[in-house]
């Protein structure tokens, strides 16, 4: 179901500034109808055998494969990332569906006979009810699929509220799910702003809320929904550090840094935004890194050869440019200044690299969510670890080194939920959890992997004795 109201929001292609559609906002009454419909569908869907529920997802995967190109093109048109990035995102989403298809095994409980004389015990997992997903603009295909395939396979109904900036991609994805034969009411799609979100957070029939977005909103979602007695997983922002040791493979490390810091215009919660160079690594790394950054092809992501697209809105581009202004005002040295990029249309900002950054500077502490990389120089691995661990965020970090002992020490001592070793973006596959720490995550159970199965089910213990 797509809610129909008279309040709409324009959908803009960030590469051109062109309005490519309008999305209707759901009222509180729309939300209430959707949730009641989902609850009625849940009462039937939960009784469908899990082996039959996943047949819908098998068909859904086939349709996603068939329409992957269409999804990627729509994604690029409303988000701005390159077509290659969009194709990779759609592929990641399909992988979530593949894992959710294994729910007959994933939902299995445990059993033990004769826990006492003549008494057996077993555990089972049962769906919890109507679940909600509130998702961001930067991954409109993948992030919703972190949620609803797992929830639906577990036997729940689902209400998705994607970002109003990128409604077209999730709309097609949900239409394909309906084509796959999902019963009416099990999946609902609504659009809106904070009013819509608040109506979902306070609705008594909603049992679980999944969210991905900024830390400030994640805190609000977590506190508000938890106060209503709902189960919550709220993924927030990040300030991810990339640590480069003197023995790192420079050419491969540079490409990893470029992809991490400037891929998707830096609008990723796994983007590397602080480059920590250890010892004399800066001498061999920074000159070719700056040269490679200046050579990046920037433009409309739908065009061949483009390596970095625009930011999502004009306001966001201005906000990121404001961080560049602040970095210079606080004494950082710009090796590349993205504000110099000239374009005829769209919301573009070139990649920026700051050197001589102090850890106390704003650009070193706050999430910028744009193509800005801050370089901090340290003398030792210990100093690098202390620097990273002082961050208020703990989403992801990576180290680049040829030394196994160094990599092991770093991954053991670092206080972040996802660690890459010679990997620029430490994004886990669908069967592992997206394990942010600190102010990057609020809740107990993370997105996808085994955590998703636990999050979207209740565990029941049954003890039996037969006379």
Protein backbone atom coordinates (compact mmCIF):
# COMPACT_ATOMS: atom_id res chain seq x y z
CA UNK A 1 0.00 0.00 0.00
CA UNK A 2 1.19 3.49 -0.85
CA UNK A 3 -0.56 6.15 1.19
CA UNK A 4 -2.39 8.81 -0.82
CA UNK A 5 -2.56 12.32 0.60
CA UNK A 6 -2.57 15.84 -0.79
CA UNK A 7 0.81 16.78 0.70
CA UNK A 8 3.68 15.93 -1.63
CA UNK A 9 7.45 16.37 -1.68
CA UNK A 10 9.49 16.83 -4.88
CA UNK A 11 12.00 14.15 -5.87
CA UNK A 12 15.08 15.79 -7.39
CA UNK A 13 17.89 14.41 -9.52
CA UNK A 14 20.94 15.74 -7.63
CA UNK A 15 23.12 15.67 -10.76
CA UNK A 16 20.86 18.08 -12.64
CA UNK A 17 18.61 19.72 -10.06
CA UNK A 18 15.64 18.53 -12.13
CA UNK A 19 12.41 17.48 -10.40
CA UNK A 20 11.77 13.90 -11.52
CA UNK A 21 8.71 13.13 -9.40
CA UNK A 22 6.60 13.91 -6.37
CA UNK A 23 6.11 11.67 -3.36
CA UNK A 24 2.91 11.73 -1.23
CA UNK A 25 3.25 12.16 2.52
CA UNK A 26 1.25 9.89 4.79
CA UNK A 27 -0.97 11.45 7.44
CA UNK A 28 -1.46 9.96 10.90
CA UNK A 29 -4.69 8.43 9.62
CA UNK A 30 -2.80 6.84 6.70
CA UNK A 31 -0.28 5.38 9.14
CA UNK A 32 -3.03 3.98 11.34
CA UNK A 33 -4.75 2.31 8.38
CA UNK A 34 -1.49 0.82 7.18
CA UNK A 35 -0.59 -0.57 10.60
CA UNK A 36 -4.04 -2.05 11.18
CA UNK A 37 -3.93 -3.65 7.73
CA UNK A 38 -0.46 -5.04 8.46
CA UNK A 39 -1.64 -6.45 11.79
CA UNK A 40 -4.58 -8.24 10.16
CA UNK A 41 -2.25 -9.69 7.54
CA UNK A 42 0.25 -10.75 10.22
CA UNK A 43 -2.37 -12.86 12.00
CA UNK A 44 -2.61 -15.01 8.85
CA UNK A 45 0.99 -14.78 7.60
CA UNK A 46 2.49 -16.04 10.88
CA UNK A 47 0.63 -19.35 10.41
CA UNK A 48 2.02 -19.92 6.92
CA UNK A 49 4.78 -22.56 7.20
CA UNK A 50 8.23 -21.02 6.98
CA UNK A 51 9.11 -23.24 4.02
CA UNK A 52 6.19 -21.67 2.15
CA UNK A 53 6.98 -18.13 3.29
CA UNK A 54 10.46 -18.26 1.79
CA UNK A 55 9.09 -19.39 -1.58
CA UNK A 56 7.93 -15.80 -1.99
CA UNK A 57 11.47 -14.62 -1.38
CA UNK A 58 12.90 -17.09 -3.89
CA UNK A 59 10.56 -15.62 -6.52
CA UNK A 60 11.43 -12.12 -5.30
CA UNK A 61 15.14 -12.78 -5.77
CA UNK A 62 14.48 -13.84 -9.36
CA UNK A 63 12.55 -10.63 -10.03
CA UNK A 64 15.26 -8.50 -8.41
CA UNK A 65 17.84 -10.12 -10.67
CA UNK A 66 15.61 -9.44 -13.68
CA UNK A 67 15.06 -5.78 -12.78
CA UNK A 68 18.49 -5.07 -11.26
CA UNK A 69 19.42 -2.71 -14.08
CA UNK A 70 16.19 -0.74 -13.74
CA UNK A 71 16.65 -0.46 -9.97
CA UNK A 72 20.22 0.76 -10.41
CA UNK A 73 19.26 3.39 -12.98
CA UNK A 74 16.43 4.72 -10.83
CA UNK A 75 18.73 4.73 -7.81
CA UNK A 76 21.34 6.81 -9.63
CA UNK A 77 18.73 9.26 -10.88
CA UNK A 78 17.39 10.08 -7.40
CA UNK A 79 20.52 9.56 -5.26
CA UNK A 80 23.33 10.69 -7.58
CA UNK A 81 25.84 7.88 -6.98
CA UNK A 82 27.51 6.35 -10.01
CA UNK A 83 25.76 3.61 -11.90
CA UNK A 84 28.48 1.14 -10.89
CA UNK A 85 27.90 2.01 -7.23
CA UNK A 86 24.16 1.58 -7.70
CA UNK A 87 24.59 -1.82 -9.33
CA UNK A 88 26.81 -2.93 -6.44
CA UNK A 89 24.21 -1.71 -3.94
CA UNK A 90 21.42 -3.63 -5.64
CA UNK A 91 23.62 -6.73 -5.60
CA UNK A 92 24.15 -6.31 -1.85
CA UNK A 93 20.40 -6.05 -1.37
CA UNK A 94 19.82 -9.24 -3.33
CA UNK A 95 22.33 -10.98 -1.07
CA UNK A 96 20.14 -10.08 1.92
CA UNK A 97 17.19 -11.79 0.26
CA UNK A 98 19.35 -14.85 -0.46
CA UNK A 99 20.24 -15.18 3.23
CA UNK A 100 16.63 -14.64 4.34
CA UNK A 101 15.64 -17.54 2.08
CA UNK A 102 17.48 -19.75 4.57
CA UNK A 103 14.98 -18.95 7.33
CA UNK A 104 13.82 -22.59 7.76
CA UNK A 105 17.29 -23.29 9.17
CA UNK A 106 17.92 -19.87 10.71
CA UNK A 107 14.76 -20.02 12.85
CA UNK A 108 15.49 -23.44 14.28
CA UNK A 109 15.37 -23.77 18.05
CA UNK A 110 17.15 -26.12 20.45
CA UNK A 111 15.95 -29.23 22.25
CA UNK A 112 17.12 -31.53 24.97
CA UNK A 113 15.39 -34.63 26.26
CA UNK A 114 15.40 -35.63 29.92
CA UNK A 115 16.34 -32.29 31.41
CA UNK A 116 14.73 -33.91 34.45
CA UNK A 117 13.16 -37.32 34.96
CA UNK A 118 10.64 -37.74 32.15
CA UNK A 119 10.78 -34.04 31.16
CA UNK A 120 11.93 -32.69 27.80
CA UNK A 121 12.73 -29.09 26.90
CA UNK A 122 12.83 -27.21 23.60
CA UNK A 123 12.97 -23.65 22.34
CA UNK A 124 11.11 -22.23 19.36
CA UNK A 125 11.18 -18.86 17.63
CA UNK A 126 7.97 -17.08 16.76
CA UNK A 127 7.34 -13.80 14.88
CA UNK A 128 6.64 -10.71 16.96
CA UNK A 129 4.08 -8.82 14.86
CA UNK A 130 4.15 -5.62 12.84
CA UNK A 131 7.67 -4.27 12.33
CA UNK A 132 8.78 -0.89 10.97
CA UNK A 133 11.81 0.17 8.93
CA UNK A 134 12.88 3.82 8.68
CA UNK A 135 15.68 4.12 6.14
CA UNK A 136 18.08 6.82 4.83
CA UNK A 137 18.70 8.42 1.45
CA UNK A 138 22.17 7.00 0.83
CA UNK A 139 21.26 3.33 0.26
CA UNK A 140 17.61 3.21 -0.86
CA UNK A 141 17.87 -0.33 -2.24
CA UNK A 142 20.20 -2.10 0.20
CA UNK A 143 19.31 -0.73 3.63
CA UNK A 144 15.56 -1.52 3.44
CA UNK A 145 16.59 -5.05 2.46
CA UNK A 146 18.62 -5.28 5.65
CA UNK A 147 15.20 -5.35 7.27
CA UNK A 148 12.06 -6.50 5.51
CA UNK A 149 13.24 -9.79 3.89
CA UNK A 150 14.34 -11.07 7.30
CA UNK A 151 11.23 -9.79 9.07
CA UNK A 152 8.84 -11.23 6.49
CA UNK A 153 10.62 -14.59 6.32
CA UNK A 154 10.29 -14.81 10.11
CA UNK A 155 6.53 -14.43 9.75
CA UNK A 156 6.05 -10.74 10.54
CA UNK A 157 4.30 -7.96 8.66
CA UNK A 158 6.34 -4.90 7.74
CA UNK A 159 5.84 -1.16 7.23
CA UNK A 160 8.65 0.64 5.37
CA UNK A 161 9.14 4.42 5.61
CA UNK A 162 12.08 5.30 3.31
CA UNK A 163 13.70 8.70 2.98
CA UNK A 164 11.44 11.12 1.16
CA UNK A 165 14.48 12.12 -0.92
CA UNK A 166 14.74 8.71 -2.61
CA UNK A 167 11.29 7.09 -2.77
CA UNK A 168 11.45 5.72 -6.31
CA UNK A 169 13.92 2.88 -5.71
CA UNK A 170 12.09 1.33 -2.73
CA UNK A 171 8.78 1.76 -4.52
CA UNK A 172 9.92 -0.43 -7.41
CA UNK A 173 11.47 -2.92 -4.97
CA UNK A 174 8.20 -3.26 -3.04
CA UNK A 175 6.20 -3.55 -6.27
CA UNK A 176 8.42 -6.49 -7.25
CA UNK A 177 7.78 -8.09 -3.86
CA UNK A 178 4.06 -7.89 -4.52
CA UNK A 179 4.61 -9.43 -7.96
CA UNK A 180 6.44 -12.29 -6.23
CA UNK A 181 3.15 -13.25 -4.59
CA UNK A 182 3.40 -11.78 -1.10
CA UNK A 183 -0.12 -11.72 0.37
CA UNK A 184 -1.81 -8.33 0.57
CA UNK A 185 -1.09 -6.39 3.72
CA UNK A 186 2.10 -8.18 4.75
CA UNK A 187 4.24 -5.37 3.30
CA UNK A 188 3.29 -1.68 3.36
CA UNK A 189 5.16 1.30 1.94
CA UNK A 190 4.44 4.78 3.25
CA UNK A 191 6.23 8.09 2.80
CA UNK A 192 6.51 11.15 4.97
CA UNK A 193 8.50 13.28 7.36
CA UNK A 194 8.85 13.44 11.16
CA UNK A 195 5.08 13.50 11.63
CA UNK A 196 4.82 10.16 9.85
CA UNK A 197 7.75 8.73 11.81
CA UNK A 198 6.29 9.83 15.14
CA UNK A 199 2.97 8.22 14.27
CA UNK A 200 4.78 4.94 13.67
CA UNK A 201 6.90 5.18 16.82
CA UNK A 202 3.85 5.73 19.02
CA UNK A 203 1.46 3.28 17.37
CA UNK A 204 0.54 0.54 19.88
CA UNK A 205 0.46 -2.21 17.25
CA UNK A 206 4.09 -1.68 16.19
CA UNK A 207 6.33 -4.19 17.96
CA UNK A 208 9.79 -3.47 16.53
CA UNK A 209 11.53 -0.53 14.87
CA UNK A 210 14.65 -0.63 12.68
CA UNK A 211 16.36 2.63 11.79
CA UNK A 212 19.44 3.82 9.90
CA UNK A 213 20.47 7.48 9.83
CA UNK A 214 22.28 10.17 11.77
CA UNK A 215 23.25 9.71 15.41
CA UNK A 216 20.99 12.48 16.64
CA UNK A 217 17.94 10.93 15.00
CA UNK A 218 19.02 7.41 16.01
CA UNK A 219 19.07 8.52 19.65
CA UNK A 220 15.59 10.02 19.25
CA UNK A 221 14.23 6.90 17.54
CA UNK A 222 15.72 4.63 20.19
CA UNK A 223 14.53 6.66 23.17
CA UNK A 224 11.05 7.27 21.77
CA UNK A 225 10.28 3.74 20.58
CA UNK A 226 11.87 2.04 23.60
CA UNK A 227 9.75 4.21 25.89
CA UNK A 228 6.72 2.72 24.12
CA UNK A 229 7.96 -0.78 24.96
CA UNK A 230 9.09 -1.55 21.41
CA UNK A 231 12.15 -3.45 20.35
CA UNK A 232 14.61 -1.07 18.63
CA UNK A 233 17.77 -1.24 16.54
CA UNK A 234 18.92 2.26 15.64
CA UNK A 235 22.05 2.64 13.54
CA UNK A 236 23.62 6.10 13.76
CA UNK A 237 26.49 8.08 12.31
CA UNK A 238 30.21 7.49 12.18
CA UNK A 239 33.69 8.95 12.03
CA UNK A 240 35.71 6.12 10.53
CA UNK A 241 39.51 6.11 10.71
CA UNK A 242 41.85 4.61 8.11
CA UNK A 243 45.27 3.81 9.64
CA UNK A 244 48.21 3.46 7.26
CA UNK A 245 51.45 1.87 8.45
CA UNK A 246 54.83 2.56 6.78
CA UNK A 247 54.90 -0.97 5.32
CA UNK A 248 51.55 -0.66 3.53
CA UNK A 249 51.27 -1.38 -0.19
CA UNK A 250 51.00 2.22 -1.40
CA UNK A 251 49.26 1.82 -4.80
CA UNK A 252 46.62 -0.58 -3.45
CA UNK A 253 46.17 1.45 -0.28
CA UNK A 254 45.57 4.62 -2.31
CA UNK A 255 42.80 3.01 -4.34
CA UNK A 256 41.21 1.67 -1.14
CA UNK A 257 41.34 5.13 0.46
CA UNK A 258 39.88 6.80 -2.63
CA UNK A 259 36.98 4.35 -2.71
CA UNK A 260 36.38 4.67 1.02
CA UNK A 261 36.61 8.44 1.36
CA UNK A 262 35.10 9.58 -1.94
CA UNK A 263 32.94 6.68 -3.10
CA UNK A 264 29.27 7.73 -3.17
CA UNK A 265 30.58 11.29 -2.53
CA UNK A 266 31.43 10.28 1.03
CA UNK A 267 27.74 9.85 1.87
CA UNK A 268 28.18 6.51 3.61
CA UNK A 269 28.25 5.54 7.26
CA UNK A 270 31.25 3.34 6.40
CA UNK A 271 33.14 6.09 4.57
CA UNK A 272 36.70 6.63 5.75
CA UNK A 273 36.88 10.27 6.80
CA UNK A 274 40.05 10.40 8.93
CA UNK A 275 43.35 9.17 7.50
CA UNK A 276 45.85 8.34 10.26
CA UNK A 277 49.36 8.05 8.82
CA UNK A 278 51.92 6.39 11.08
CA UNK A 279 55.61 7.33 11.08
CA UNK A 280 57.03 8.13 7.67
CA UNK A 281 54.03 6.66 5.80
CA UNK A 282 52.93 10.18 4.92
CA UNK A 283 55.99 10.77 2.73
CA UNK A 284 55.22 7.92 0.35
CA UNK A 285 51.42 8.03 0.58
CA UNK A 286 50.22 11.62 0.44
CA UNK A 287 51.74 12.89 -2.85
CA UNK A 288 50.28 10.10 -5.03
CA UNK A 289 47.02 10.15 -3.02
CA UNK A 290 46.56 13.85 -3.72
CA UNK A 291 47.42 13.36 -7.41
CA UNK A 292 44.89 10.52 -7.71
CA UNK A 293 42.25 12.56 -5.93
CA UNK A 294 42.72 15.51 -8.28
CA UNK A 295 42.31 13.20 -11.27
CA UNK A 296 38.91 11.85 -10.17
CA UNK A 297 36.24 12.16 -12.85
CA UNK A 298 33.29 13.97 -11.26
CA UNK A 299 29.88 14.37 -12.86
CA UNK A 300 26.49 12.81 -13.50
CA UNK A 301 26.73 9.27 -12.15
CA UNK A 302 24.69 7.89 -15.04
CA UNK A 303 27.49 8.72 -17.50
CA UNK A 304 30.29 6.25 -18.28
CA UNK A 305 33.65 6.90 -16.69
CA UNK A 306 32.35 9.10 -13.85
CA UNK A 307 33.96 8.16 -10.53
CA UNK A 308 32.11 10.46 -8.14
CA UNK A 309 28.66 11.99 -8.40
CA UNK A 310 26.90 14.87 -6.64
CA UNK A 311 25.74 15.24 -3.07
CA UNK A 312 22.10 14.58 -2.32
CA UNK A 313 20.82 18.19 -2.01
CA UNK A 314 22.00 21.76 -2.43
CA UNK A 315 21.62 22.31 1.31
CA UNK A 316 23.79 19.31 2.11
CA UNK A 317 26.47 20.41 -0.35
CA UNK A 318 26.49 23.81 1.34
CA UNK A 319 26.73 22.16 4.76
CA UNK A 320 29.77 20.11 3.69
CA UNK A 321 31.37 23.21 2.18
CA UNK A 322 30.86 24.85 5.56
CA UNK A 323 32.98 22.13 7.16
CA UNK A 324 35.74 22.91 4.66
CA UNK A 325 35.53 26.56 5.66
CA UNK A 326 35.75 25.57 9.30
CA UNK A 327 38.72 23.26 8.73
CA UNK A 328 40.68 26.10 7.15
CA UNK A 329 39.65 28.50 9.91
CA UNK A 330 40.91 26.05 12.55
CA UNK A 331 44.31 25.77 10.88
CA UNK A 332 44.15 22.66 8.70
CA UNK A 333 45.97 22.76 5.34
CA UNK A 334 43.91 21.92 2.23
CA UNK A 335 45.87 19.71 -0.17
CA UNK A 336 42.73 19.53 -2.34
CA UNK A 337 39.82 21.96 -2.00
CA UNK A 338 36.54 20.66 -3.36
CA UNK A 339 34.95 24.09 -3.34
CA UNK A 340 36.91 24.96 -6.49
CA UNK A 341 34.89 22.54 -8.61
CA UNK A 342 32.84 24.34 -11.26
CA UNK A 343 29.63 22.79 -12.63
CA UNK A 344 26.68 24.09 -14.61
CA UNK A 345 24.01 22.23 -12.65
CA UNK A 346 23.51 19.82 -9.80
CA UNK A 347 24.75 19.66 -6.23
CA UNK A 348 28.44 19.01 -6.73
CA UNK A 349 31.40 19.42 -4.44
CA UNK A 350 34.85 18.12 -5.31
CA UNK A 351 36.90 15.85 -3.03
CA UNK A 352 38.85 17.62 -0.28
CA UNK A 353 41.96 16.45 1.59
CA UNK A 354 43.15 18.27 4.71
CA UNK A 355 46.64 17.80 6.13
CA UNK A 356 48.03 18.91 9.50
CA UNK A 357 44.72 18.14 11.18
CA UNK A 358 44.62 18.19 14.96
CA UNK A 359 42.37 15.60 16.66
CA UNK A 360 40.57 18.41 18.47
CA UNK A 361 39.46 20.08 15.22
CA UNK A 362 35.82 19.93 14.22
CA UNK A 363 36.60 18.17 10.94
CA UNK A 364 38.37 15.42 12.90
CA UNK A 365 35.52 14.84 15.35
CA UNK A 366 32.17 15.38 13.64
CA UNK A 367 30.53 13.33 10.92
CA UNK A 368 30.65 15.41 7.73
CA UNK A 369 28.96 12.91 5.38
CA UNK A 370 30.70 14.24 2.32
CA UNK A 371 33.93 13.89 0.30
CA UNK A 372 36.26 15.34 2.95
CA UNK A 373 39.31 13.43 4.22
CA UNK A 374 41.28 14.68 7.23
CA UNK A 375 44.90 13.55 7.63
CA UNK A 376 46.31 13.16 11.15
CA UNK A 377 49.97 12.25 11.59
CA UNK A 378 51.14 10.05 14.49
CA UNK A 379 54.43 8.38 15.36
CA UNK A 380 53.41 4.89 16.47
CA UNK A 381 50.71 2.24 16.24
CA UNK A 382 49.91 2.73 19.94
CA UNK A 383 49.29 6.41 19.32
CA UNK A 384 47.03 5.57 16.38
CA UNK A 385 45.01 3.14 18.48
CA UNK A 386 44.57 5.66 21.29
CA UNK A 387 43.48 8.27 18.77
CA UNK A 388 40.86 6.04 17.16
CA UNK A 389 39.55 4.79 20.51
CA UNK A 390 38.96 8.34 21.74
CA UNK A 391 36.31 8.85 19.05
CA UNK A 392 32.71 9.07 20.19
CA UNK A 393 31.82 6.80 17.28
CA UNK A 394 32.65 3.15 16.77
CA UNK A 395 31.21 2.07 13.44
CA UNK A 396 34.19 0.93 11.37
CA UNK A 397 37.93 1.34 10.95
CA UNK A 398 40.63 -0.10 8.70
CA UNK A 399 44.37 -0.62 8.92
CA UNK A 400 46.75 -0.98 5.98
CA UNK A 401 49.86 -3.00 6.69
CA UNK A 402 51.93 -5.94 5.45
CA UNK A 403 52.54 -7.15 9.02
CA UNK A 404 50.20 -9.80 10.39
CA UNK A 405 51.16 -9.04 13.98
CA UNK A 406 50.33 -5.36 13.53
CA UNK A 407 46.98 -6.21 11.97
CA UNK A 408 46.13 -8.65 14.76
CA UNK A 409 47.04 -6.19 17.50
CA UNK A 410 45.03 -3.42 15.86
CA UNK A 411 41.91 -5.53 15.31
CA UNK A 412 42.07 -6.82 18.89
CA UNK A 413 42.55 -3.51 20.67
CA UNK A 414 40.47 -1.16 18.54
CA UNK A 415 37.05 -0.07 19.84
CA UNK A 416 34.90 -0.33 16.73
CA UNK A 417 32.38 -2.89 15.61
CA UNK A 418 33.72 -3.50 12.10
CA UNK A 419 37.42 -3.71 11.28
CA UNK A 420 39.06 -3.89 7.87
CA UNK A 421 42.57 -5.15 7.24
CA UNK A 422 43.79 -3.79 3.91
CA UNK A 423 40.10 -3.21 3.13
CA UNK A 424 38.86 0.34 2.67
CA UNK A 425 35.17 -0.28 3.41
CA UNK A 426 34.69 -2.94 6.08
CA UNK A 427 31.12 -3.77 5.07
CA UNK A 428 30.02 -7.20 6.31
CA UNK A 429 28.21 -9.65 4.08
CA UNK A 430 24.53 -10.42 4.64
CA UNK A 431 25.21 -13.41 6.90
CA UNK A 432 27.30 -11.33 9.35
CA UNK A 433 25.94 -8.45 11.51
CA UNK A 434 26.44 -4.77 10.80
CA UNK A 435 28.05 -4.29 14.18
CA UNK A 436 28.47 -0.61 15.03
CA UNK A 437 29.54 0.44 18.54
CA UNK A 438 29.34 3.56 20.74
CA UNK A 439 27.32 6.43 19.23
CA UNK A 440 27.08 4.53 15.96
CA UNK A 441 24.47 2.12 17.32
CA UNK A 442 21.67 2.08 19.88
CA UNK A 443 20.14 -1.25 20.81
CA UNK A 444 21.24 -4.81 21.48
CA UNK A 445 20.75 -6.69 18.21
CA UNK A 446 22.38 -5.46 15.00
CA UNK A 447 21.12 -5.43 11.41
CA UNK A 448 21.12 -8.57 9.23
CA UNK A 449 22.97 -11.82 9.90
CA UNK A 450 21.87 -13.99 12.84
CA UNK A 451 21.07 -10.86 14.85
CA UNK A 452 18.22 -10.08 12.45
CA UNK A 453 16.58 -13.43 13.10
CA UNK A 454 16.77 -12.86 16.84
CA UNK A 455 15.53 -9.28 16.50
CA UNK A 456 12.45 -10.18 14.48
CA UNK A 457 11.41 -13.16 16.63
CA UNK A 458 10.52 -14.00 20.21
CA UNK A 459 12.03 -17.07 21.81
CA UNK A 460 9.74 -19.43 23.66
CA UNK A 461 10.84 -22.28 25.97
CA UNK A 462 8.56 -25.32 26.15
CA UNK A 463 8.93 -27.99 28.84
CA UNK A 464 6.87 -31.14 28.48
CA UNK A 465 6.14 -34.30 30.41
CA UNK A 466 3.84 -37.07 29.17
CA UNK A 467 2.13 -39.49 31.53
